[in-house]
Amino acid sequence: RLRREEVRASIRMSLRESHLIGPEDEVFRQFILDRLAEADQDPYVPPFDCLRTYAYEGSGSPAGSLSSLDSSCLELEPVQPVSNPRPCLMRLTPWYGGIEEDMIF
C-alpha cells in the first residue's frame, strides 16, 4: 500500500516528466493523432461541421441560414448612416429601487 508521501512524489515526478514532452516529441504527436482518429470515428463528438449539419440549417426559419457558406449569394444593401449615434437609454432606477443620485456617474 502506498503512503501519501509516495503518491505525492509520484505525482510530482509525472508532472515533471510531462513538462519535458513537447509538440516536437513523437509521443505527443502520436497522442494527438490517436485522439483525432477517435473523434473522427465518433459521430456524436462536436463540432458537427460537416455537410449533414449545413444541409438543413435554417430550414423553416424566417431568418433562413446564418451560415457564411450561404452568404455569398446575398446582395448587400448600402449602409445607411445612423441618425443618432447614441443608443437609446432607459432609466432602470425606479424598477430596482435605487434613488436618482445613485445613478449619476
Protein backbone atom coordinates (compact mmCIF):
# COMPACT_ATOMS: atom_id res chain seq x y z
CA ARG A 1 0.00 0.00 0.00
CA LEU A 2 1.36 3.41 -0.99
CA ARG A 3 1.85 6.07 1.59
CA ARG A 4 0.58 9.58 0.99
CA GLU A 5 4.12 10.96 0.60
CA GLU A 6 4.91 8.35 -2.06
CA VAL A 7 1.79 9.29 -4.03
CA ARG A 8 2.70 12.98 -3.88
CA ALA A 9 6.24 12.22 -5.05
CA SER A 10 4.87 10.12 -7.89
CA ILE A 11 2.54 12.92 -8.99
CA ARG A 12 5.35 15.48 -8.86
CA MET A 13 7.61 13.21 -10.92
CA SER A 14 4.95 12.61 -13.58
CA LEU A 15 4.27 16.35 -13.82
CA ARG A 16 7.99 17.00 -14.24
CA GLU A 17 8.18 14.38 -16.99
CA SER A 18 5.11 15.78 -18.77
CA HIS A 19 6.79 19.20 -18.99
CA LEU A 20 9.67 17.57 -20.87
CA ILE A 21 7.34 16.36 -23.63
CA GLY A 22 6.58 18.98 -26.24
CA PRO A 23 4.89 19.18 -29.65
CA GLU A 24 8.10 18.02 -31.35
CA ASP A 25 8.13 14.75 -29.40
CA GLU A 26 6.85 11.62 -31.14
CA VAL A 27 4.84 10.55 -28.07
CA PHE A 28 3.00 13.88 -28.10
CA ARG A 29 2.27 13.69 -31.84
CA GLN A 30 1.02 10.12 -31.58
CA PHE A 31 -1.26 11.05 -28.67
CA ILE A 32 -2.82 13.88 -30.70
CA LEU A 33 -3.22 11.67 -33.78
CA ASP A 34 -4.90 8.97 -31.69
CA ARG A 35 -7.36 11.47 -30.19
CA LEU A 36 -8.12 12.88 -33.66
CA ALA A 37 -8.78 9.39 -35.00
CA GLU A 38 -11.13 8.66 -32.10
CA ALA A 39 -13.01 11.92 -32.66
CA ASP A 40 -13.27 11.29 -36.40
CA GLN A 41 -14.83 7.88 -35.79
CA ASP A 42 -17.37 9.11 -33.22
CA PRO A 43 -20.41 10.74 -34.90
CA TYR A 44 -21.57 12.31 -31.63
CA VAL A 45 -18.44 14.37 -30.94
CA PRO A 46 -18.74 18.10 -31.73
CA PRO A 47 -18.06 20.16 -33.73
CA PHE A 48 -20.55 19.00 -36.28
CA ASP A 49 -19.01 20.89 -39.18
CA CYS A 50 -19.93 18.55 -41.95
CA LEU A 51 -22.36 18.68 -44.85
CA ARG A 52 -25.15 16.91 -42.96
CA THR A 53 -25.29 19.80 -40.48
CA TYR A 54 -25.30 22.60 -43.04
CA ALA A 55 -27.73 20.87 -45.39
CA TYR A 56 -30.72 21.58 -43.15
CA GLU A 57 -29.51 24.67 -41.30
CA GLY A 58 -32.08 27.45 -41.30
CA SER A 59 -34.83 25.41 -42.93
CA GLY A 60 -38.19 26.53 -41.57
CA SER A 61 -36.71 29.67 -40.03
CA PRO A 62 -37.84 33.13 -41.19
CA ALA A 63 -34.21 34.28 -40.94
CA GLY A 64 -33.01 31.46 -43.13
CA SER A 65 -29.49 30.13 -42.88
CA LEU A 66 -26.99 32.07 -40.81
CA SER A 67 -24.10 30.15 -42.30
CA SER A 68 -21.32 32.09 -44.00
CA LEU A 69 -21.34 29.38 -46.68
CA ASP A 70 -24.68 30.68 -47.95
CA SER A 71 -23.92 34.39 -47.59
CA SER A 72 -22.01 34.80 -50.84
CA CYS A 73 -25.22 34.80 -52.88
CA LEU A 74 -26.83 37.63 -50.89
CA GLU A 75 -26.94 41.12 -52.34
CA LEU A 76 -25.78 43.66 -49.80
CA GLU A 77 -27.80 46.83 -49.36
CA PRO A 78 -25.93 50.11 -48.99
CA VAL A 79 -25.31 51.02 -45.37
CA GLN A 80 -27.42 53.94 -44.17
CA PRO A 81 -25.77 56.47 -41.85
CA VAL A 82 -27.02 56.39 -38.29
CA SER A 83 -29.03 59.49 -37.45
CA ASN A 84 -28.42 59.22 -33.70
CA PRO A 85 -25.14 57.51 -32.82
CA ARG A 86 -26.03 57.36 -29.11
CA PRO A 87 -28.06 54.31 -28.12
CA CYS A 88 -31.44 54.80 -26.53
CA LEU A 89 -31.04 54.61 -22.77
CA MET A 90 -33.77 53.98 -20.26
CA ARG A 91 -33.51 54.66 -16.55
CA LEU A 92 -33.83 51.46 -14.57
CA THR A 93 -33.65 53.20 -11.19
CA PRO A 94 -37.40 53.03 -10.43
CA TRP A 95 -37.51 49.31 -11.15
CA TYR A 96 -34.53 48.39 -8.99
CA GLY A 97 -35.35 50.61 -6.03
CA GLY A 98 -32.35 52.91 -6.30
CA ILE A 99 -32.52 56.64 -5.96
CA GLU A 100 -31.71 59.03 -8.78
CA GLU A 101 -28.48 60.31 -7.18
CA ASP A 102 -27.06 56.78 -7.08
CA MET A 103 -27.12 56.60 -10.85
CA ILE A 104 -25.11 59.76 -11.64
CA PHE A 105 -21.60 58.92 -12.82
